[in-house]
Amino acid sequence: SNDELRIAFDVLKLLARRPLRARVCDLQGRVLRQLSEGEGLAGHYQLRWDGRDEGGRLLPPGIYLVWLEVSGDADSQRAMRAIGLSY
């Protein structure tokens, strides 16, 4: 199917390229899918997740966590959101 989760976020106050990472985890904290890992500047980002793990297998319906992390000069900023996956 063409169903997917779109994750949009803005990064502010980055003047130099800094590490950006987004991942999907289960409720036990295990990383199931790396959505993005690289460097970026301040700006708008949009990621997509199709409900699959790193091996391309559909995950079972349930609650998952999406973690976003931006490493800055002084510290790292993290945000987490719970999402429900259903078919």
C-alpha atoms as a PDB file:
ATOM      1  CA  SER A   1       0.000   0.000   0.000  1.00  0.00           C
ATOM      2  CA  ASN A   2       0.968   3.653  -0.155  1.00  0.00           C
ATOM      3  CA  ASP A   3       0.414   4.378   3.525  1.00  0.00           C
ATOM      4  CA  GLU A   4       3.225   6.116   5.327  1.00  0.00           C
ATOM      5  CA  LEU A   5       3.857   8.385   8.274  1.00  0.00           C
ATOM      6  CA  ARG A   6       5.258  11.797   7.442  1.00  0.00           C
ATOM      7  CA  ILE A   7       7.321  13.426  10.143  1.00  0.00           C
ATOM      8  CA  ALA A   8       7.975  17.135   9.692  1.00  0.00           C
ATOM      9  CA  PHE A   9      10.127  19.242  11.979  1.00  0.00           C
ATOM     10  CA  ASP A  10      12.126  22.463  11.981  1.00  0.00           C
ATOM     11  CA  VAL A  11      15.680  22.855  13.207  1.00  0.00           C
ATOM     12  CA  LEU A  12      16.559  26.326  14.446  1.00  0.00           C
ATOM     13  CA  LYS A  13      19.748  28.183  15.314  1.00  0.00           C
ATOM     14  CA  LEU A  14      22.268  25.894  13.623  1.00  0.00           C
ATOM     15  CA  LEU A  15      24.864  27.917  11.750  1.00  0.00           C
ATOM     16  CA  ALA A  16      27.182  24.991  11.014  1.00  0.00           C
ATOM     17  CA  ARG A  17      26.356  21.445   9.930  1.00  0.00           C
ATOM     18  CA  ARG A  18      25.499  19.304  12.970  1.00  0.00           C
ATOM     19  CA  PRO A  19      24.487  15.653  13.430  1.00  0.00           C
ATOM     20  CA  LEU A  20      20.760  14.954  12.963  1.00  0.00           C
ATOM     21  CA  ARG A  21      19.249  11.568  13.741  1.00  0.00           C
ATOM     22  CA  ALA A  22      15.725  10.156  13.595  1.00  0.00           C
ATOM     23  CA  ARG A  23      14.756   6.602  14.472  1.00  0.00           C
ATOM     24  CA  VAL A  24      11.750   4.409  15.240  1.00  0.00           C
ATOM     25  CA  CYS A  25      11.941   2.290  18.401  1.00  0.00           C
ATOM     26  CA  ASP A  26       9.697  -0.183  20.154  1.00  0.00           C
ATOM     27  CA  LEU A  27       8.487   0.485  23.698  1.00  0.00           C
ATOM     28  CA  GLN A  28      11.547  -1.328  25.087  1.00  0.00           C
ATOM     29  CA  GLY A  29      13.818   1.192  23.327  1.00  0.00           C
ATOM     30  CA  ARG A  30      15.135  -1.148  20.622  1.00  0.00           C
ATOM     31  CA  VAL A  31      15.859   0.672  17.362  1.00  0.00           C
ATOM     32  CA  LEU A  32      13.721  -0.850  14.626  1.00  0.00           C
ATOM     33  CA  ARG A  33      14.373   1.607  11.812  1.00  0.00           C
ATOM     34  CA  GLN A  34      16.854   4.409  11.268  1.00  0.00           C
ATOM     35  CA  LEU A  35      14.987   7.124   9.353  1.00  0.00           C
ATOM     36  CA  SER A  36      17.804   9.620   9.075  1.00  0.00           C
ATOM     37  CA  GLU A  37      21.373   9.893  10.211  1.00  0.00           C
ATOM     38  CA  GLY A  38      23.599  12.590   8.848  1.00  0.00           C
ATOM     39  CA  GLU A  39      24.352  16.254   9.207  1.00  0.00           C
ATOM     40  CA  GLY A  40      22.176  19.239   8.571  1.00  0.00           C
ATOM     41  CA  LEU A  41      21.729  22.958   8.996  1.00  0.00           C
ATOM     42  CA  ALA A  42      18.839  25.003  10.320  1.00  0.00           C
ATOM     43  CA  GLY A  43      15.763  24.415   8.199  1.00  0.00           C
ATOM     44  CA  HIS A  44      12.646  22.367   7.609  1.00  0.00           C
ATOM     45  CA  TYR A  45      12.913  18.576   7.376  1.00  0.00           C
ATOM     46  CA  GLN A  46      10.389  15.944   6.346  1.00  0.00           C
ATOM     47  CA  LEU A  47      10.920  12.220   6.867  1.00  0.00           C
ATOM     48  CA  ARG A  48       8.749   9.253   5.947  1.00  0.00           C
ATOM     49  CA  TRP A  49       8.180   5.865   7.547  1.00  0.00           C
ATOM     50  CA  ASP A  50       6.303   3.027   5.874  1.00  0.00           C
ATOM     51  CA  GLY A  51       5.797   0.851   8.976  1.00  0.00           C
ATOM     52  CA  ARG A  52       8.745  -1.413   8.127  1.00  0.00           C
ATOM     53  CA  ASP A  53      11.869  -2.335  10.055  1.00  0.00           C
ATOM     54  CA  GLU A  54      15.454  -2.178   8.734  1.00  0.00           C
ATOM     55  CA  GLY A  55      14.985  -5.555   7.030  1.00  0.00           C
ATOM     56  CA  GLY A  56      11.914  -4.358   5.113  1.00  0.00           C
ATOM     57  CA  ARG A  57       9.455  -6.404   7.182  1.00  0.00           C
ATOM     58  CA  LEU A  58       6.103  -4.860   8.160  1.00  0.00           C
ATOM     59  CA  LEU A  59       5.965  -4.329  11.893  1.00  0.00           C
ATOM     60  CA  PRO A  60       2.922  -5.531  13.807  1.00  0.00           C
ATOM     61  CA  PRO A  61       0.224  -3.030  14.781  1.00  0.00           C
ATOM     62  CA  GLY A  62       0.979  -1.264  18.046  1.00  0.00           C
ATOM     63  CA  ILE A  63       2.579   1.760  19.677  1.00  0.00           C
ATOM     64  CA  TYR A  64       6.049   2.848  18.579  1.00  0.00           C
ATOM     65  CA  LEU A  65       8.326   5.738  19.513  1.00  0.00           C
ATOM     66  CA  VAL A  66       9.864   8.198  17.075  1.00  0.00           C
ATOM     67  CA  TRP A  67      13.037   9.828  18.431  1.00  0.00           C
ATOM     68  CA  LEU A  68      14.587  12.963  16.911  1.00  0.00           C
ATOM     69  CA  GLU A  69      18.006  14.138  18.049  1.00  0.00           C
ATOM     70  CA  VAL A  70      19.997  17.209  16.998  1.00  0.00           C
ATOM     71  CA  SER A  71      23.512  17.666  18.349  1.00  0.00           C
ATOM     72  CA  GLY A  72      24.412  21.299  18.936  1.00  0.00           C
ATOM     73  CA  ASP A  73      27.585  23.013  20.038  1.00  0.00           C
ATOM     74  CA  ALA A  74      26.756  22.977  23.747  1.00  0.00           C
ATOM     75  CA  ASP A  75      24.335  20.064  24.039  1.00  0.00           C
ATOM     76  CA  SER A  76      21.955  17.755  22.196  1.00  0.00           C
ATOM     77  CA  GLN A  77      18.237  18.335  21.853  1.00  0.00           C
ATOM     78  CA  ARG A  78      15.927  15.324  21.777  1.00  0.00           C
ATOM     79  CA  ALA A  79      12.234  14.941  21.098  1.00  0.00           C
ATOM     80  CA  MET A  80      10.127  11.791  21.320  1.00  0.00           C
ATOM     81  CA  ARG A  81       6.592  11.117  20.131  1.00  0.00           C
ATOM     82  CA  ALA A  82       4.490   8.001  20.472  1.00  0.00           C
ATOM     83  CA  ILE A  83       2.759   6.844  17.285  1.00  0.00           C
ATOM     84  CA  GLY A  84       0.202   4.152  16.655  1.00  0.00           C
ATOM     85  CA  LEU A  85       0.635   1.725  13.783  1.00  0.00           C
ATOM     86  CA  SER A  86      -2.502   0.023  12.470  1.00  0.00           C
ATOM     87  CA  TYR A  87      -3.599  -1.744   9.293  1.00  0.00           C
END
